[in-house]
C-alpha atoms as a PDB file:
ATOM      1  CA  MET A   1     167.232 115.086 114.070  1.00  0.00           C
ATOM      2  CA  PRO A   2     169.354 111.895 113.947  1.00  0.00           C
ATOM      3  CA  GLU A   3     170.182 110.191 117.214  1.00  0.00           C
ATOM      4  CA  ALA A   4     173.799 110.643 118.320  1.00  0.00           C
ATOM      5  CA  LYS A   5     175.833 107.449 118.230  1.00  0.00           C
ATOM      6  CA  LEU A   6     177.367 106.341 121.475  1.00  0.00           C
ATOM      7  CA  THR A   7     181.119 106.113 121.816  1.00  0.00           C
ATOM      8  CA  LEU A   8     182.942 102.890 122.571  1.00  0.00           C
ATOM      9  CA  GLU A   9     183.569 104.174 126.096  1.00  0.00           C
ATOM     10  CA  GLN A  10     179.847 104.848 126.632  1.00  0.00           C
ATOM     11  CA  LEU A  11     178.873 101.447 125.267  1.00  0.00           C
ATOM     12  CA  SER A  12     181.459  99.704 127.435  1.00  0.00           C
ATOM     13  CA  GLU A  13     180.171 101.619 130.449  1.00  0.00           C
ATOM     14  CA  GLN A  14     176.614 100.566 129.556  1.00  0.00           C
ATOM     15  CA  PHE A  15     177.744  96.934 129.728  1.00  0.00           C
ATOM     16  CA  ARG A  16     179.710  97.465 132.951  1.00  0.00           C
ATOM     17  CA  GLN A  17     176.711  99.081 134.647  1.00  0.00           C
ATOM     18  CA  ALA A  18     174.411  96.229 133.566  1.00  0.00           C
ATOM     19  CA  GLU A  19     176.970  93.721 134.831  1.00  0.00           C
ATOM     20  CA  LEU A  20     177.271  95.491 138.200  1.00  0.00           C
ATOM     21  CA  ALA A  21     173.483  95.577 138.491  1.00  0.00           C
ATOM     22  CA  GLY A  22     173.347  91.861 137.729  1.00  0.00           C
ATOM     23  CA  ASP A  23     170.933  92.485 134.857  1.00  0.00           C
ATOM     24  CA  PRO A  24     171.602  89.898 132.132  1.00  0.00           C
ATOM     25  CA  TRP A  25     168.949  91.364 129.804  1.00  0.00           C
ATOM     26  CA  LYS A  26     170.641  94.778 129.828  1.00  0.00           C
ATOM     27  CA  GLN A  27     174.013  93.028 129.437  1.00  0.00           C
ATOM     28  CA  GLY A  28     172.690  91.357 126.285  1.00  0.00           C
ATOM     29  CA  ILE A  29     171.440  94.698 124.964  1.00  0.00           C
ATOM     30  CA  ALA A  30     174.843  96.291 125.668  1.00  0.00           C
ATOM     31  CA  LEU A  31     176.686  93.435 123.942  1.00  0.00           C
ATOM     32  CA  ASN A  32     174.415  93.749 120.905  1.00  0.00           C
ATOM     33  CA  ASN A  33     175.098  97.502 120.847  1.00  0.00           C
ATOM     34  CA  LEU A  34     178.831  96.866 121.015  1.00  0.00           C
ATOM     35  CA  GLY A  35     178.473  94.429 118.094  1.00  0.00           C
ATOM     36  CA  SER A  36     176.702  97.129 116.099  1.00  0.00           C
ATOM     37  CA  TYR A  37     179.415  99.631 116.978  1.00  0.00           C
ATOM     38  CA  TYR A  38     182.100  97.351 115.527  1.00  0.00           C
ATOM     39  CA  LYS A  39     179.965  96.337 112.536  1.00  0.00           C
ATOM     40  CA  ASP A  40     179.493 100.026 111.626  1.00  0.00           C
ATOM     41  CA  ARG A  41     183.293 100.372 111.655  1.00  0.00           C
ATOM     42  CA  ARG A  42     183.725  97.190 109.593  1.00  0.00           C
ATOM     43  CA  GLU A  43     185.652  95.527 112.419  1.00  0.00           C
ATOM     44  CA  PHE A  44     183.866  92.273 111.721  1.00  0.00           C
ATOM     45  CA  PRO A  45     185.678  89.848 114.058  1.00  0.00           C
ATOM     46  CA  ASN A  46     184.850  92.096 117.018  1.00  0.00           C
ATOM     47  CA  ALA A  47     181.272  92.533 115.809  1.00  0.00           C
ATOM     48  CA  VAL A  48     180.765  88.770 115.466  1.00  0.00           C
ATOM     49  CA  SER A  49     182.239  88.176 118.907  1.00  0.00           C
ATOM     50  CA  TYR A  50     179.893  90.667 120.609  1.00  0.00           C
ATOM     51  CA  PHE A  51     176.850  89.497 118.675  1.00  0.00           C
ATOM     52  CA  GLN A  52     177.591  85.872 119.647  1.00  0.00           C
ATOM     53  CA  LYS A  53     177.922  86.858 123.300  1.00  0.00           C
ATOM     54  CA  ALA A  54     174.600  88.761 123.117  1.00  0.00           C
ATOM     55  CA  LEU A  55     173.019  85.698 121.504  1.00  0.00           C
ATOM     56  CA  GLU A  56     174.191  83.559 124.431  1.00  0.00           C
ATOM     57  CA  PHE A  57     172.527  85.941 126.919  1.00  0.00           C
ATOM     58  CA  PHE A  58     169.191  86.081 125.101  1.00  0.00           C
ATOM     59  CA  THR A  59     169.205  82.306 124.523  1.00  0.00           C
ATOM     60  CA  ALA A  60     169.777  81.725 128.245  1.00  0.00           C
ATOM     61  CA  LEU A  61     167.050  84.236 129.084  1.00  0.00           C
ATOM     62  CA  ASP A  62     164.700  82.578 126.567  1.00  0.00           C
ATOM     63  CA  ASP A  63     164.037  86.015 125.016  1.00  0.00           C
ATOM     64  CA  ASN A  64     163.338  84.885 121.481  1.00  0.00           C
ATOM     65  CA  GLU A  65     162.488  88.339 120.147  1.00  0.00           C
ATOM     66  CA  LYS A  66     165.867  89.797 121.158  1.00  0.00           C
ATOM     67  CA  LYS A  67     167.546  86.566 120.054  1.00  0.00           C
ATOM     68  CA  SER A  68     166.052  87.022 116.585  1.00  0.00           C
ATOM     69  CA  THR A  69     167.225  90.630 116.446  1.00  0.00           C
ATOM     70  CA  VAL A  70     170.776  89.527 117.231  1.00  0.00           C
ATOM     71  CA  LEU A  71     170.558  86.729 114.634  1.00  0.00           C
ATOM     72  CA  ILE A  72     169.606  89.331 111.994  1.00  0.00           C
ATOM     73  CA  ASN A  73     172.552  91.515 113.073  1.00  0.00           C
ATOM     74  CA  LEU A  74     174.907  88.539 113.023  1.00  0.00           C
ATOM     75  CA  GLY A  75     173.642  87.495 109.585  1.00  0.00           C
ATOM     76  CA  GLY A  76     174.168  91.005 108.282  1.00  0.00           C
ATOM     77  CA  THR A  77     177.717  90.981 109.590  1.00  0.00           C
ATOM     78  CA  TYR A  78     178.445  87.685 107.852  1.00  0.00           C
ATOM     79  CA  LEU A  79     176.882  89.055 104.660  1.00  0.00           C
ATOM     80  CA  ASP A  80     179.127  92.141 104.843  1.00  0.00           C
ATOM     81  CA  GLN A  81     182.094  89.738 105.047  1.00  0.00           C
ATOM     82  CA  LYS A  82     180.752  87.816 102.030  1.00  0.00           C
ATOM     83  CA  GLU A  83     180.240  84.716 104.184  1.00  0.00           C
ATOM     84  CA  HIS A  84     176.977  83.940 102.456  1.00  0.00           C
ATOM     85  CA  GLY A  85     176.412  80.481 103.910  1.00  0.00           C
ATOM     86  CA  LYS A  86     176.782  81.743 107.465  1.00  0.00           C
ATOM     87  CA  ALA A  87     174.548  84.727 106.694  1.00  0.00           C
ATOM     88  CA  LEU A  88     171.808  82.459 105.340  1.00  0.00           C
ATOM     89  CA  GLU A  89     172.109  80.217 108.407  1.00  0.00           C
ATOM     90  CA  GLN A  90     171.591  83.154 110.788  1.00  0.00           C
ATOM     91  CA  PHE A  91     168.699  84.578 108.767  1.00  0.00           C
ATOM     92  CA  ALA A  92     167.056  81.141 108.625  1.00  0.00           C
ATOM     93  CA  MET A  93     167.373  80.755 112.410  1.00  0.00           C
ATOM     94  CA  ALA A  94     165.851  84.227 112.842  1.00  0.00           C
ATOM     95  CA  LEU A  95     162.991  83.245 110.527  1.00  0.00           C
ATOM     96  CA  GLY A  96     162.258  80.124 112.563  1.00  0.00           C
ATOM     97  CA  THR A  97     162.422  82.023 115.833  1.00  0.00           C
ATOM     98  CA  TYR A  98     160.196  84.826 114.583  1.00  0.00           C
ATOM     99  CA  ALA A  99     157.752  82.188 113.291  1.00  0.00           C
ATOM    100  CA  SER A 100     157.611  80.584 116.751  1.00  0.00           C
ATOM    101  CA  LEU A 101     156.638  84.020 118.104  1.00  0.00           C
ATOM    102  CA  ASP A 102     153.979  84.526 115.400  1.00  0.00           C
ATOM    103  CA  HIS A 103     155.830  87.735 114.497  1.00  0.00           C
ATOM    104  CA  PRO A 104     154.991  88.463 110.825  1.00  0.00           C
ATOM    105  CA  PHE A 105     157.105  91.616 110.547  1.00  0.00           C
ATOM    106  CA  GLY A 106     160.189  89.788 111.832  1.00  0.00           C
ATOM    107  CA  GLN A 107     159.499  86.857 109.506  1.00  0.00           C
ATOM    108  CA  GLY A 108     159.277  89.264 106.573  1.00  0.00           C
ATOM    109  CA  MET A 109     162.551  90.892 107.551  1.00  0.00           C
ATOM    110  CA  ALA A 110     164.294  87.522 107.776  1.00  0.00           C
ATOM    111  CA  LEU A 111     162.841  86.370 104.425  1.00  0.00           C
ATOM    112  CA  ASN A 112     163.854  89.638 102.807  1.00  0.00           C
ATOM    113  CA  ASN A 113     167.425  89.201 104.051  1.00  0.00           C
ATOM    114  CA  MET A 114     167.525  85.606 102.817  1.00  0.00           C
ATOM    115  CA  GLY A 115     166.286  86.703  99.397  1.00  0.00           C
ATOM    116  CA  GLY A 116     168.953  89.399  99.341  1.00  0.00           C
ATOM    117  CA  VAL A 117     171.669  86.797  99.893  1.00  0.00           C
ATOM    118  CA  HIS A 118     170.329  84.701  97.013  1.00  0.00           C
ATOM    119  CA  LEU A 119     170.206  87.747  94.750  1.00  0.00           C
ATOM    120  CA  THR A 120     173.773  88.706  95.715  1.00  0.00           C
ATOM    121  CA  LEU A 121     174.870  85.214  94.743  1.00  0.00           C
ATOM    122  CA  ARG A 122     172.767  85.412  91.562  1.00  0.00           C
ATOM    123  CA  ARG A 123     170.809  82.352  92.675  1.00  0.00           C
ATOM    124  CA  TYR A 124     167.732  83.452  90.881  1.00  0.00           C
ATOM    125  CA  ASP A 125     166.205  79.978  90.948  1.00  0.00           C
ATOM    126  CA  SER A 126     166.463  79.893  94.756  1.00  0.00           C
ATOM    127  CA  GLU A 127     165.013  83.368  95.076  1.00  0.00           C
ATOM    128  CA  SER A 128     162.214  82.719  92.625  1.00  0.00           C
ATOM    129  CA  SER A 129     161.385  79.349  94.173  1.00  0.00           C
ATOM    130  CA  ALA A 130     160.918  81.184  97.471  1.00  0.00           C
ATOM    131  CA  ARG A 131     158.713  83.821  95.846  1.00  0.00           C
ATOM    132  CA  PRO A 132     155.390  81.960  96.109  1.00  0.00           C
ATOM    133  CA  SER A 133     155.856  81.540  99.870  1.00  0.00           C
ATOM    134  CA  LEU A 134     156.913  85.192 100.156  1.00  0.00           C
ATOM    135  CA  THR A 135     153.837  86.254  98.200  1.00  0.00           C
ATOM    136  CA  ASP A 136     151.611  84.141 100.434  1.00  0.00           C
ATOM    137  CA  PHE A 137     153.358  85.522 103.491  1.00  0.00           C
ATOM    138  CA  TYR A 138     152.792  89.135 102.482  1.00  0.00           C
ATOM    139  CA  ARG A 139     149.148  88.385 101.724  1.00  0.00           C
ATOM    140  CA  ASP A 140     148.712  87.094 105.257  1.00  0.00           C
ATOM    141  CA  GLU A 141     145.774  88.874 106.859  1.00  0.00           C
ATOM    142  CA  ARG A 142     147.804  89.715 109.977  1.00  0.00           C
ATOM    143  CA  LEU A 143     150.246  91.699 107.836  1.00  0.00           C
ATOM    144  CA  GLN A 144     147.404  93.433 106.022  1.00  0.00           C
ATOM    145  CA  ASN A 145     146.056  94.576 109.373  1.00  0.00           C
ATOM    146  CA  LEU A 146     149.397  96.191 110.227  1.00  0.00           C
ATOM    147  CA  SER A 147     148.955  98.710 107.431  1.00  0.00           C
ATOM    148  CA  ARG A 148     145.538  99.900 108.639  1.00  0.00           C
END
């Protein structure tokens, strides 16, 4: 059964409670959730604003995994707005951050999103020039072990 989506009021309350508790990690989560709420409704300026605020929290907390998640969300929002350069920038930052964490699944997600931007723009040379590194990446033994 699909999970029920939270209302704007519930998400705002989630942030308020985290703020009252003085918990910056939960504040970042709430801000990311608010960004997703607005992205789902195609209210992109609000989504970008909340994702950027969440990014600030996770950067200050040095939580690179959550930071990468927000970068992917922010990149997806820019892609939905057809701001391809900004989308690529966010996905590339997520790739670098996931690489610093030795997080192959996250790296694959970021690379997949970057390839999707190039395909959207019909930059087949860019996409195909990245293919050997993608192929090598997916052959990585650590990824192979994930499927076992």
